PDB file of all heavy atoms in Angstrom:
ATOM      1  N   LEU A   1       5.033  -5.555  -8.073  1.00  0.00           N
ATOM      2  CA  LEU A   1       4.471  -5.089  -6.816  1.00  0.00           C
ATOM      3  C   LEU A   1       5.077  -5.772  -5.559  1.00  0.00           C
ATOM      4  O   LEU A   1       5.211  -5.164  -4.511  1.00  0.00           O
ATOM      5  CB  LEU A   1       2.961  -5.191  -6.756  1.00  0.00           C
ATOM      6  CG  LEU A   1       2.150  -4.246  -7.557  1.00  0.00           C
ATOM      7  CD1 LEU A   1       0.675  -4.552  -7.329  1.00  0.00           C
ATOM      8  CD2 LEU A   1       2.462  -2.832  -7.245  1.00  0.00           C
ATOM      9  N   GLY A   2       5.415  -6.986  -5.751  1.00  0.00           N
ATOM     10  CA  GLY A   2       5.765  -7.864  -4.624  1.00  0.00           C
ATOM     11  C   GLY A   2       6.770  -7.266  -3.672  1.00  0.00           C
ATOM     12  O   GLY A   2       7.876  -6.905  -4.119  1.00  0.00           O
ATOM     13  N   ASP A   3       6.449  -7.133  -2.415  1.00  0.00           N
ATOM     14  CA  ASP A   3       7.368  -6.657  -1.356  1.00  0.00           C
ATOM     15  C   ASP A   3       7.908  -5.245  -1.617  1.00  0.00           C
ATOM     16  O   ASP A   3       9.062  -4.902  -1.245  1.00  0.00           O
ATOM     17  CB  ASP A   3       8.526  -7.637  -1.180  1.00  0.00           C
ATOM     18  CG  ASP A   3       8.080  -9.017  -0.760  1.00  0.00           C
ATOM     19  OD1 ASP A   3       7.141  -9.098   0.031  1.00  0.00           O
ATOM     20  OD2 ASP A   3       8.590 -10.008  -1.301  1.00  0.00           O
ATOM     21  N   THR A   4       7.099  -4.430  -2.249  1.00  0.00           N
ATOM     22  CA  THR A   4       7.436  -2.982  -2.433  1.00  0.00           C
ATOM     23  C   THR A   4       6.556  -2.149  -1.520  1.00  0.00           C
ATOM     24  O   THR A   4       5.502  -2.588  -1.087  1.00  0.00           O
ATOM     25  CB  THR A   4       7.279  -2.573  -3.886  1.00  0.00           C
ATOM     26  OG1 THR A   4       5.880  -2.668  -4.231  1.00  0.00           O
ATOM     27  CG2 THR A   4       8.054  -3.431  -4.847  1.00  0.00           C
ATOM     28  N   VAL A   5       6.960  -0.920  -1.332  1.00  0.00           N
ATOM     29  CA  VAL A   5       6.188   0.063  -0.599  1.00  0.00           C
ATOM     30  C   VAL A   5       5.993   1.268  -1.484  1.00  0.00           C
ATOM     31  O   VAL A   5       6.974   1.801  -2.078  1.00  0.00           O
ATOM     32  CB  VAL A   5       6.924   0.505   0.727  1.00  0.00           C
ATOM     33  CG1 VAL A   5       6.058   1.547   1.378  1.00  0.00           C
ATOM     34  CG2 VAL A   5       7.121  -0.678   1.595  1.00  0.00           C
ATOM     35  N   ILE A   6       4.775   1.707  -1.701  1.00  0.00           N
ATOM     36  CA  ILE A   6       4.393   2.829  -2.537  1.00  0.00           C
ATOM     37  C   ILE A   6       3.792   3.851  -1.653  1.00  0.00           C
ATOM     38  O   ILE A   6       2.905   3.643  -0.851  1.00  0.00           O
ATOM     39  CB  ILE A   6       3.449   2.377  -3.645  1.00  0.00           C
ATOM     40  CG1 ILE A   6       4.112   1.269  -4.475  1.00  0.00           C
ATOM     41  CG2 ILE A   6       3.103   3.611  -4.535  1.00  0.00           C
ATOM     42  CD1 ILE A   6       3.151   0.639  -5.464  1.00  0.00           C
ATOM     43  N   CYS A   7       4.261   5.143  -1.838  1.00  0.00           N
ATOM     44  CA  CYS A   7       3.695   6.242  -1.036  1.00  0.00           C
ATOM     45  C   CYS A   7       3.280   7.392  -1.934  1.00  0.00           C
ATOM     46  O   CYS A   7       3.896   7.572  -2.985  1.00  0.00           O
ATOM     47  CB  CYS A   7       4.718   6.764  -0.025  1.00  0.00           C
ATOM     48  SG  CYS A   7       5.372   5.514   1.137  1.00  0.00           S
ATOM     49  N   GLU A   8       2.298   8.115  -1.507  1.00  0.00           N
ATOM     50  CA  GLU A   8       1.873   9.280  -2.283  1.00  0.00           C
ATOM     51  C   GLU A   8       1.254  10.318  -1.294  1.00  0.00           C
ATOM     52  O   GLU A   8       0.532   9.939  -0.373  1.00  0.00           O
ATOM     53  CB  GLU A   8       0.859   8.956  -3.389  1.00  0.00           C
ATOM     54  CG  GLU A   8       0.570  10.115  -4.340  1.00  0.00           C
ATOM     55  CD  GLU A   8      -0.163   9.602  -5.553  1.00  0.00           C
ATOM     56  OE1 GLU A   8      -0.038   8.444  -5.928  1.00  0.00           O
ATOM     57  OE2 GLU A   8      -0.823  10.487  -6.159  1.00  0.00           O
ATOM     58  N   ASN A   9       1.643  11.548  -1.522  1.00  0.00           N
ATOM     59  CA  ASN A   9       1.188  12.619  -0.585  1.00  0.00           C
ATOM     60  C   ASN A   9       0.505  13.743  -1.368  1.00  0.00           C
ATOM     61  O   ASN A   9       1.101  14.279  -2.367  1.00  0.00           O
ATOM     62  CB  ASN A   9       2.413  13.163   0.191  1.00  0.00           C
ATOM     63  CG  ASN A   9       1.968  14.257   1.149  1.00  0.00           C
ATOM     64  OD1 ASN A   9       0.898  14.154   1.743  1.00  0.00           O
ATOM     65  ND2 ASN A   9       2.804  15.245   1.305  1.00  0.00           N
ATOM     66  N   ARG A  10      -0.715  14.001  -1.032  1.00  0.00           N
ATOM     67  CA  ARG A  10      -1.478  15.105  -1.695  1.00  0.00           C
ATOM     68  C   ARG A  10      -2.159  15.934  -0.556  1.00  0.00           C
ATOM     69  O   ARG A  10      -2.228  15.511   0.549  1.00  0.00           O
ATOM     70  CB  ARG A  10      -2.506  14.611  -2.651  1.00  0.00           C
ATOM     71  CG  ARG A  10      -1.939  13.754  -3.750  1.00  0.00           C
ATOM     72  CD  ARG A  10      -2.863  13.605  -4.879  1.00  0.00           C
ATOM     73  NE  ARG A  10      -2.433  12.595  -5.838  1.00  0.00           N
ATOM     74  CZ  ARG A  10      -3.002  12.332  -7.028  1.00  0.00           C
ATOM     75  NH1 ARG A  10      -4.010  13.066  -7.418  1.00  0.00           N
ATOM     76  NH2 ARG A  10      -2.561  11.389  -7.795  1.00  0.00           N
ATOM     77  N   GLU A  11      -2.634  17.113  -0.974  1.00  0.00           N
ATOM     78  CA  GLU A  11      -3.216  18.002   0.016  1.00  0.00           C
ATOM     79  C   GLU A  11      -4.438  17.408   0.649  1.00  0.00           C
ATOM     80  O   GLU A  11      -4.681  17.571   1.910  1.00  0.00           O
ATOM     81  CB  GLU A  11      -3.570  19.324  -0.644  1.00  0.00           C
ATOM     82  CG  GLU A  11      -4.166  20.360   0.352  1.00  0.00           C
ATOM     83  CD  GLU A  11      -4.496  21.681  -0.358  1.00  0.00           C
ATOM     84  OE1 GLU A  11      -4.082  21.846  -1.501  1.00  0.00           O
ATOM     85  OE2 GLU A  11      -5.140  22.474   0.305  1.00  0.00           O
ATOM     86  N   GLN A  12      -5.222  16.678  -0.058  1.00  0.00           N
ATOM     87  CA  GLN A  12      -6.435  16.127   0.426  1.00  0.00           C
ATOM     88  C   GLN A  12      -6.241  14.797   1.231  1.00  0.00           C
ATOM     89  O   GLN A  12      -7.035  14.425   2.069  1.00  0.00           O
ATOM     90  CB  GLN A  12      -7.463  15.822  -0.716  1.00  0.00           C
ATOM     91  CG  GLN A  12      -8.830  15.399  -0.241  1.00  0.00           C
ATOM     92  CD  GLN A  12      -9.793  15.269  -1.429  1.00  0.00           C
ATOM     93  OE1 GLN A  12      -9.563  15.839  -2.445  1.00  0.00           O
ATOM     94  NE2 GLN A  12     -10.847  14.525  -1.207  1.00  0.00           N
ATOM     95  N   GLY A  13      -5.111  14.084   0.961  1.00  0.00           N
ATOM     96  CA  GLY A  13      -4.850  12.917   1.649  1.00  0.00           C
ATOM     97  C   GLY A  13      -3.541  12.276   1.202  1.00  0.00           C
ATOM     98  O   GLY A  13      -2.916  12.700   0.202  1.00  0.00           O
ATOM     99  N   SER A  14      -3.044  11.344   1.977  1.00  0.00           N
ATOM    100  CA  SER A  14      -1.824  10.607   1.636  1.00  0.00           C
ATOM    101  C   SER A  14      -2.044   9.059   1.893  1.00  0.00           C
ATOM    102  O   SER A  14      -2.977   8.693   2.610  1.00  0.00           O
ATOM    103  CB  SER A  14      -0.685  11.091   2.574  1.00  0.00           C
ATOM    104  OG  SER A  14      -0.545  12.476   2.502  1.00  0.00           O
ATOM    105  N   PHE A  15      -1.182   8.264   1.319  1.00  0.00           N
ATOM    106  CA  PHE A  15      -1.313   6.813   1.576  1.00  0.00           C
ATOM    107  C   PHE A  15       0.112   6.173   1.602  1.00  0.00           C
ATOM    108  O   PHE A  15       1.060   6.665   0.979  1.00  0.00           O
ATOM    109  CB  PHE A  15      -2.167   6.101   0.622  1.00  0.00           C
ATOM    110  CG  PHE A  15      -1.626   5.948  -0.762  1.00  0.00           C
ATOM    111  CD1 PHE A  15      -0.625   4.937  -1.055  1.00  0.00           C
ATOM    112  CD2 PHE A  15      -2.000   6.805  -1.853  1.00  0.00           C
ATOM    113  CE1 PHE A  15      -0.151   4.760  -2.396  1.00  0.00           C
ATOM    114  CE2 PHE A  15      -1.448   6.617  -3.098  1.00  0.00           C
ATOM    115  CZ  PHE A  15      -0.520   5.638  -3.393  1.00  0.00           C
ATOM    116  N   ILE A  16       0.205   5.121   2.357  1.00  0.00           N
ATOM    117  CA  ILE A  16       1.322   4.237   2.347  1.00  0.00           C
ATOM    118  C   ILE A  16       0.827   2.863   1.981  1.00  0.00           C
ATOM    119  O   ILE A  16      -0.105   2.330   2.609  1.00  0.00           O
ATOM    120  CB  ILE A  16       2.047   4.160   3.724  1.00  0.00           C
ATOM    121  CG1 ILE A  16       2.489   5.539   4.183  1.00  0.00           C
ATOM    122  CG2 ILE A  16       3.189   3.198   3.691  1.00  0.00           C
ATOM    123  CD1 ILE A  16       2.991   5.585   5.604  1.00  0.00           C
ATOM    124  N   TRP A  17       1.361   2.295   0.917  1.00  0.00           N
ATOM    125  CA  TRP A  17       0.783   1.020   0.352  1.00  0.00           C
ATOM    126  C   TRP A  17       1.962  -0.022   0.408  1.00  0.00           C
ATOM    127  O   TRP A  17       2.908   0.091  -0.342  1.00  0.00           O
ATOM    128  CB  TRP A  17       0.360   1.274  -1.089  1.00  0.00           C
ATOM    129  CG  TRP A  17      -0.027   0.121  -1.926  1.00  0.00           C
ATOM    130  CD1 TRP A  17      -0.094  -1.126  -1.588  1.00  0.00           C
ATOM    131  CD2 TRP A  17      -0.395   0.133  -3.332  1.00  0.00           C
ATOM    132  NE1 TRP A  17      -0.491  -2.021  -2.626  1.00  0.00           N
ATOM    133  CE2 TRP A  17      -0.656  -1.177  -3.690  1.00  0.00           C
ATOM    134  CE3 TRP A  17      -0.460   1.164  -4.254  1.00  0.00           C
ATOM    135  CZ2 TRP A  17      -1.046  -1.496  -5.010  1.00  0.00           C
ATOM    136  CZ3 TRP A  17      -0.829   0.882  -5.534  1.00  0.00           C
ATOM    137  CH2 TRP A  17      -1.125  -0.503  -5.925  1.00  0.00           C
ATOM    138  N   GLU A  18       1.856  -0.983   1.348  1.00  0.00           N
ATOM    139  CA  GLU A  18       2.833  -2.010   1.548  1.00  0.00           C
ATOM    140  C   GLU A  18       2.344  -3.335   0.979  1.00  0.00           C
ATOM    141  O   GLU A  18       1.271  -3.801   1.270  1.00  0.00           O
ATOM    142  CB  GLU A  18       3.134  -2.204   3.035  1.00  0.00           C
ATOM    143  CG  GLU A  18       3.576  -0.966   3.717  1.00  0.00           C
ATOM    144  CD  GLU A  18       3.792  -1.134   5.244  1.00  0.00           C
ATOM    145  OE1 GLU A  18       4.841  -1.563   5.681  1.00  0.00           O
ATOM    146  OE2 GLU A  18       2.774  -0.871   5.966  1.00  0.00           O
ATOM    147  N   ASN A  19       3.190  -3.886   0.101  1.00  0.00           N
ATOM    148  CA  ASN A  19       2.884  -5.142  -0.623  1.00  0.00           C
ATOM    149  C   ASN A  19       3.671  -6.309  -0.076  1.00  0.00           C
ATOM    150  O   ASN A  19       4.838  -6.226   0.223  1.00  0.00           O
ATOM    151  CB  ASN A  19       3.207  -4.976  -2.105  1.00  0.00           C
ATOM    152  CG  ASN A  19       2.281  -4.045  -2.773  1.00  0.00           C
ATOM    153  OD1 ASN A  19       1.233  -4.346  -3.193  1.00  0.00           O
ATOM    154  ND2 ASN A  19       2.749  -2.740  -2.933  1.00  0.00           N
ATOM    155  N   PHE A  20       2.956  -7.476   0.086  1.00  0.00           N
ATOM    156  CA  PHE A  20       3.549  -8.726   0.495  1.00  0.00           C
ATOM    157  C   PHE A  20       3.047  -9.818  -0.381  1.00  0.00           C
ATOM    158  O   PHE A  20       1.857 -10.134  -0.356  1.00  0.00           O
ATOM    159  CB  PHE A  20       3.192  -8.987   2.008  1.00  0.00           C
ATOM    160  CG  PHE A  20       3.487  -7.885   2.908  1.00  0.00           C
ATOM    161  CD1 PHE A  20       2.492  -6.921   3.223  1.00  0.00           C
ATOM    162  CD2 PHE A  20       4.754  -7.709   3.476  1.00  0.00           C
ATOM    163  CE1 PHE A  20       2.772  -5.860   4.073  1.00  0.00           C
ATOM    164  CE2 PHE A  20       5.059  -6.661   4.324  1.00  0.00           C
ATOM    165  CZ  PHE A  20       4.029  -5.715   4.622  1.00  0.00           C
ATOM    166  N   TYR A  21       3.982 -10.386  -1.165  1.00  0.00           N
ATOM    167  CA  TYR A  21       3.613 -11.437  -2.166  1.00  0.00           C
ATOM    168  C   TYR A  21       3.897 -12.781  -1.648  1.00  0.00           C
ATOM    169  O   TYR A  21       4.962 -13.130  -1.166  1.00  0.00           O
ATOM    170  CB  TYR A  21       4.324 -11.186  -3.474  1.00  0.00           C
ATOM    171  CG  TYR A  21       4.092 -12.249  -4.583  1.00  0.00           C
ATOM    172  CD1 TYR A  21       2.906 -12.277  -5.186  1.00  0.00           C
ATOM    173  CD2 TYR A  21       5.078 -13.247  -4.780  1.00  0.00           C
ATOM    174  CE1 TYR A  21       2.658 -13.276  -6.177  1.00  0.00           C
ATOM    175  CE2 TYR A  21       4.853 -14.219  -5.738  1.00  0.00           C
ATOM    176  CZ  TYR A  21       3.650 -14.245  -6.424  1.00  0.00           C
ATOM    177  OH  TYR A  21       3.499 -15.217  -7.348  1.00  0.00           O
ATOM    178  N   ASP A  22       2.903 -13.725  -1.754  1.00  0.00           N
ATOM    179  CA  ASP A  22       3.098 -15.139  -1.412  1.00  0.00           C
ATOM    180  C   ASP A  22       3.235 -15.990  -2.646  1.00  0.00           C
ATOM    181  O   ASP A  22       2.205 -16.128  -3.406  1.00  0.00           O
ATOM    182  CB  ASP A  22       1.895 -15.524  -0.562  1.00  0.00           C
ATOM    183  CG  ASP A  22       2.096 -17.009   0.058  1.00  0.00           C
ATOM    184  OD1 ASP A  22       2.613 -17.834  -0.635  1.00  0.00           O
ATOM    185  OD2 ASP A  22       1.655 -17.198   1.165  1.00  0.00           O
ATOM    186  N   ALA A  23       4.395 -16.496  -2.912  1.00  0.00           N
ATOM    187  CA  ALA A  23       4.666 -17.211  -4.136  1.00  0.00           C
ATOM    188  C   ALA A  23       3.905 -18.544  -4.191  1.00  0.00           C
ATOM    189  O   ALA A  23       3.572 -18.993  -5.243  1.00  0.00           O
ATOM    190  CB  ALA A  23       6.141 -17.519  -4.258  1.00  0.00           C
ATOM    191  N   ASP A  24       3.587 -19.091  -3.048  1.00  0.00           N
ATOM    192  CA  ASP A  24       2.914 -20.457  -2.993  1.00  0.00           C
ATOM    193  C   ASP A  24       1.445 -20.246  -3.439  1.00  0.00           C
ATOM    194  O   ASP A  24       0.917 -21.076  -4.180  1.00  0.00           O
ATOM    195  CB  ASP A  24       2.944 -21.014  -1.612  1.00  0.00           C
ATOM    196  CG  ASP A  24       4.334 -21.500  -1.236  1.00  0.00           C
ATOM    197  OD1 ASP A  24       5.123 -21.773  -2.162  1.00  0.00           O
ATOM    198  OD2 ASP A  24       4.680 -21.462  -0.039  1.00  0.00           O
ATOM    199  N   THR A  25       0.776 -19.228  -2.964  1.00  0.00           N
ATOM    200  CA  THR A  25      -0.625 -19.003  -3.290  1.00  0.00           C
ATOM    201  C   THR A  25      -0.837 -18.070  -4.495  1.00  0.00           C
ATOM    202  O   THR A  25      -1.953 -17.876  -4.969  1.00  0.00           O
ATOM    203  CB  THR A  25      -1.412 -18.431  -2.048  1.00  0.00           C
ATOM    204  OG1 THR A  25      -0.820 -17.149  -1.766  1.00  0.00           O
ATOM    205  CG2 THR A  25      -1.312 -19.401  -0.919  1.00  0.00           C
ATOM    206  N   GLN A  26       0.269 -17.413  -4.892  1.00  0.00           N
ATOM    207  CA  GLN A  26       0.207 -16.349  -5.914  1.00  0.00           C
ATOM    208  C   GLN A  26      -0.765 -15.216  -5.550  1.00  0.00           C
ATOM    209  O   GLN A  26      -1.394 -14.531  -6.328  1.00  0.00           O
ATOM    210  CB  GLN A  26      -0.219 -16.884  -7.263  1.00  0.00           C
ATOM    211  CG  GLN A  26       0.774 -17.920  -7.857  1.00  0.00           C
ATOM    212  CD  GLN A  26       0.371 -18.419  -9.202  1.00  0.00           C
ATOM    213  OE1 GLN A  26      -0.798 -18.806  -9.415  1.00  0.00           O
ATOM    214  NE2 GLN A  26       1.307 -18.499 -10.091  1.00  0.00           N
ATOM    215  N   VAL A  27      -0.871 -14.945  -4.220  1.00  0.00           N
ATOM    216  CA  VAL A  27      -1.716 -13.860  -3.679  1.00  0.00           C
ATOM    217  C   VAL A  27      -0.844 -12.776  -3.155  1.00  0.00           C
ATOM    218  O   VAL A  27       0.141 -12.983  -2.517  1.00  0.00           O
ATOM    219  CB  VAL A  27      -2.614 -14.393  -2.507  1.00  0.00           C
ATOM    220  CG1 VAL A  27      -3.340 -13.260  -1.858  1.00  0.00           C
ATOM    221  CG2 VAL A  27      -3.622 -15.406  -3.058  1.00  0.00           C
ATOM    222  N   ASN A  28      -1.233 -11.565  -3.539  1.00  0.00           N
ATOM    223  CA  ASN A  28      -0.562 -10.338  -3.120  1.00  0.00           C
ATOM    224  C   ASN A  28      -1.393  -9.667  -2.009  1.00  0.00           C
ATOM    225  O   ASN A  28      -2.556  -9.321  -2.312  1.00  0.00           O
ATOM    226  CB  ASN A  28      -0.268  -9.388  -4.273  1.00  0.00           C
ATOM    227  CG  ASN A  28       0.630  -8.210  -3.854  1.00  0.00           C
ATOM    228  OD1 ASN A  28       1.806  -8.365  -3.644  1.00  0.00           O
ATOM    229  ND2 ASN A  28       0.044  -7.067  -3.721  1.00  0.00           N
ATOM    230  N   GLU A  29      -0.819  -9.529  -0.887  1.00  0.00           N
ATOM    231  CA  GLU A  29      -1.511  -8.709   0.221  1.00  0.00           C
ATOM    232  C   GLU A  29      -1.010  -7.304   0.139  1.00  0.00           C
ATOM    233  O   GLU A  29       0.246  -7.065   0.104  1.00  0.00           O
ATOM    234  CB  GLU A  29      -1.240  -9.352   1.565  1.00  0.00           C
ATOM    235  CG  GLU A  29      -1.731  -8.523   2.726  1.00  0.00           C
ATOM    236  CD  GLU A  29      -1.276  -9.045   4.055  1.00  0.00           C
ATOM    237  OE1 GLU A  29      -0.942 -10.240   4.160  1.00  0.00           O
ATOM    238  OE2 GLU A  29      -1.238  -8.290   5.072  1.00  0.00           O
ATOM    239  N   TYR A  30      -1.911  -6.309   0.130  1.00  0.00           N
ATOM    240  CA  TYR A  30      -1.434  -5.051   0.319  1.00  0.00           C
ATOM    241  C   TYR A  30      -2.136  -4.268   1.418  1.00  0.00           C
ATOM    242  O   TYR A  30      -3.383  -4.262   1.465  1.00  0.00           O
ATOM    243  CB  TYR A  30      -1.379  -4.154  -0.975  1.00  0.00           C
ATOM    244  CG  TYR A  30      -2.618  -3.948  -1.783  1.00  0.00           C
ATOM    245  CD1 TYR A  30      -3.367  -2.790  -1.611  1.00  0.00           C
ATOM    246  CD2 TYR A  30      -3.039  -4.828  -2.773  1.00  0.00           C
ATOM    247  CE1 TYR A  30      -4.522  -2.572  -2.352  1.00  0.00           C
ATOM    248  CE2 TYR A  30      -4.163  -4.559  -3.543  1.00  0.00           C
ATOM    249  CZ  TYR A  30      -4.898  -3.487  -3.320  1.00  0.00           C
ATOM    250  OH  TYR A  30      -6.024  -3.225  -4.112  1.00  0.00           O
ATOM    251  N   ASP A  31      -1.317  -3.729   2.319  1.00  0.00           N
ATOM    252  CA  ASP A  31      -1.850  -2.989   3.500  1.00  0.00           C
ATOM    253  C   ASP A  31      -1.777  -1.508   3.214  1.00  0.00           C
ATOM    254  O   ASP A  31      -0.679  -0.981   2.934  1.00  0.00           O
ATOM    255  CB  ASP A  31      -1.023  -3.355   4.735  1.00  0.00           C
ATOM    256  CG  ASP A  31      -1.084  -4.795   5.107  1.00  0.00           C
ATOM    257  OD1 ASP A  31      -2.080  -5.411   4.736  1.00  0.00           O
ATOM    258  OD2 ASP A  31      -0.127  -5.321   5.717  1.00  0.00           O
ATOM    259  N   LEU A  32      -2.899  -0.869   3.325  1.00  0.00           N
ATOM    260  CA  LEU A  32      -3.046   0.511   3.032  1.00  0.00           C
ATOM    261  C   LEU A  32      -3.220   1.321   4.341  1.00  0.00           C
ATOM    262  O   LEU A  32      -3.991   0.993   5.226  1.00  0.00           O
ATOM    263  CB  LEU A  32      -4.271   0.838   2.191  1.00  0.00           C
ATOM    264  CG  LEU A  32      -4.167   0.734   0.667  1.00  0.00           C
ATOM    265  CD1 LEU A  32      -5.551   0.878   0.045  1.00  0.00           C
ATOM    266  CD2 LEU A  32      -3.148   1.695   0.062  1.00  0.00           C
ATOM    267  N   THR A  33      -2.327   2.303   4.531  1.00  0.00           N
ATOM    268  CA  THR A  33      -2.503   3.263   5.617  1.00  0.00           C
ATOM    269  C   THR A  33      -2.864   4.597   4.980  1.00  0.00           C
ATOM    270  O   THR A  33      -2.096   5.125   4.153  1.00  0.00           O
ATOM    271  CB  THR A  33      -1.194   3.413   6.437  1.00  0.00           C
ATOM    272  OG1 THR A  33      -0.781   2.105   6.940  1.00  0.00           O
ATOM    273  CG2 THR A  33      -1.393   4.324   7.596  1.00  0.00           C
ATOM    274  N   LEU A  34      -3.981   5.117   5.339  1.00  0.00           N
ATOM    275  CA  LEU A  34      -4.566   6.319   4.722  1.00  0.00           C
ATOM    276  C   LEU A  34      -4.618   7.482   5.698  1.00  0.00           C
ATOM    277  O   LEU A  34      -4.960   7.273   6.867  1.00  0.00           O
ATOM    278  CB  LEU A  34      -5.963   6.088   4.218  1.00  0.00           C
ATOM    279  CG  LEU A  34      -6.134   4.922   3.217  1.00  0.00           C
ATOM    280  CD1 LEU A  34      -7.570   4.436   3.136  1.00  0.00           C
ATOM    281  CD2 LEU A  34      -5.712   5.401   1.820  1.00  0.00           C
ATOM    282  N   TYR A  35      -4.243   8.614   5.227  1.00  0.00           N
ATOM    283  CA  TYR A  35      -4.371   9.879   6.012  1.00  0.00           C
ATOM    284  C   TYR A  35      -5.284  10.780   5.203  1.00  0.00           C
ATOM    285  O   TYR A  35      -4.890  11.284   4.120  1.00  0.00           O
ATOM    286  CB  TYR A  35      -3.039  10.501   6.293  1.00  0.00           C
ATOM    287  CG  TYR A  35      -2.174   9.671   7.185  1.00  0.00           C
ATOM    288  CD1 TYR A  35      -1.274   8.748   6.533  1.00  0.00           C
ATOM    289  CD2 TYR A  35      -2.128   9.725   8.531  1.00  0.00           C
ATOM    290  CE1 TYR A  35      -0.453   7.943   7.262  1.00  0.00           C
ATOM    291  CE2 TYR A  35      -1.320   8.947   9.274  1.00  0.00           C
ATOM    292  CZ  TYR A  35      -0.479   8.049   8.678  1.00  0.00           C
ATOM    293  OH  TYR A  35       0.378   7.221   9.390  1.00  0.00           O
ATOM    294  N   ILE A  36      -6.524  10.993   5.651  1.00  0.00           N
ATOM    295  CA  ILE A  36      -7.549  11.658   4.868  1.00  0.00           C
ATOM    296  C   ILE A  36      -7.899  12.975   5.632  1.00  0.00           C
ATOM    297  O   ILE A  36      -8.185  12.982   6.787  1.00  0.00           O
ATOM    298  CB  ILE A  36      -8.820  10.801   4.719  1.00  0.00           C
ATOM    299  CG1 ILE A  36      -8.424   9.513   3.991  1.00  0.00           C
ATOM    300  CG2 ILE A  36      -9.842  11.587   3.945  1.00  0.00           C
ATOM    301  CD1 ILE A  36      -9.551   8.580   3.875  1.00  0.00           C
ATOM    302  N   ARG A  37      -7.853  14.040   4.822  1.00  0.00           N
ATOM    303  CA  ARG A  37      -8.134  15.387   5.481  1.00  0.00           C
ATOM    304  C   ARG A  37      -9.629  15.496   5.776  1.00  0.00           C
ATOM    305  O   ARG A  37     -10.491  15.151   4.996  1.00  0.00           O
ATOM    306  CB  ARG A  37      -7.772  16.519   4.470  1.00  0.00           C
ATOM    307  CG  ARG A  37      -7.936  17.968   5.077  1.00  0.00           C
ATOM    308  CD  ARG A  37      -7.518  18.976   4.041  1.00  0.00           C
ATOM    309  NE  ARG A  37      -8.471  19.051   2.979  1.00  0.00           N
ATOM    310  CZ  ARG A  37      -8.362  19.810   1.896  1.00  0.00           C
ATOM    311  NH1 ARG A  37      -7.261  20.514   1.730  1.00  0.00           N
ATOM    312  NH2 ARG A  37      -9.266  19.790   0.954  1.00  0.00           N
ATOM    313  N   GLN A  38      -9.914  15.945   7.013  1.00  0.00           N
ATOM    314  CA  GLN A  38     -11.266  16.133   7.479  1.00  0.00           C
ATOM    315  C   GLN A  38     -11.744  17.573   7.202  1.00  0.00           C
ATOM    316  O   GLN A  38     -10.985  18.432   6.885  1.00  0.00           O
ATOM    317  CB  GLN A  38     -11.386  15.824   8.955  1.00  0.00           C
ATOM    318  CG  GLN A  38     -10.832  14.456   9.344  1.00  0.00           C
ATOM    319  CD  GLN A  38     -11.541  13.321   8.621  1.00  0.00           C
ATOM    320  OE1 GLN A  38     -12.753  13.115   8.749  1.00  0.00           O
ATOM    321  NE2 GLN A  38     -10.771  12.566   7.789  1.00  0.00           N
TER     322      GLN A  38
END
């Protein structure tokens, strides 16, 4: 996952999932941007 970007698009919604891995803490941060149909 580290430092990858995952995207998916569907009729009901889409997302952009950006990963940032910190080797010192072994913690992965992932920022989600969501587009949800109203």
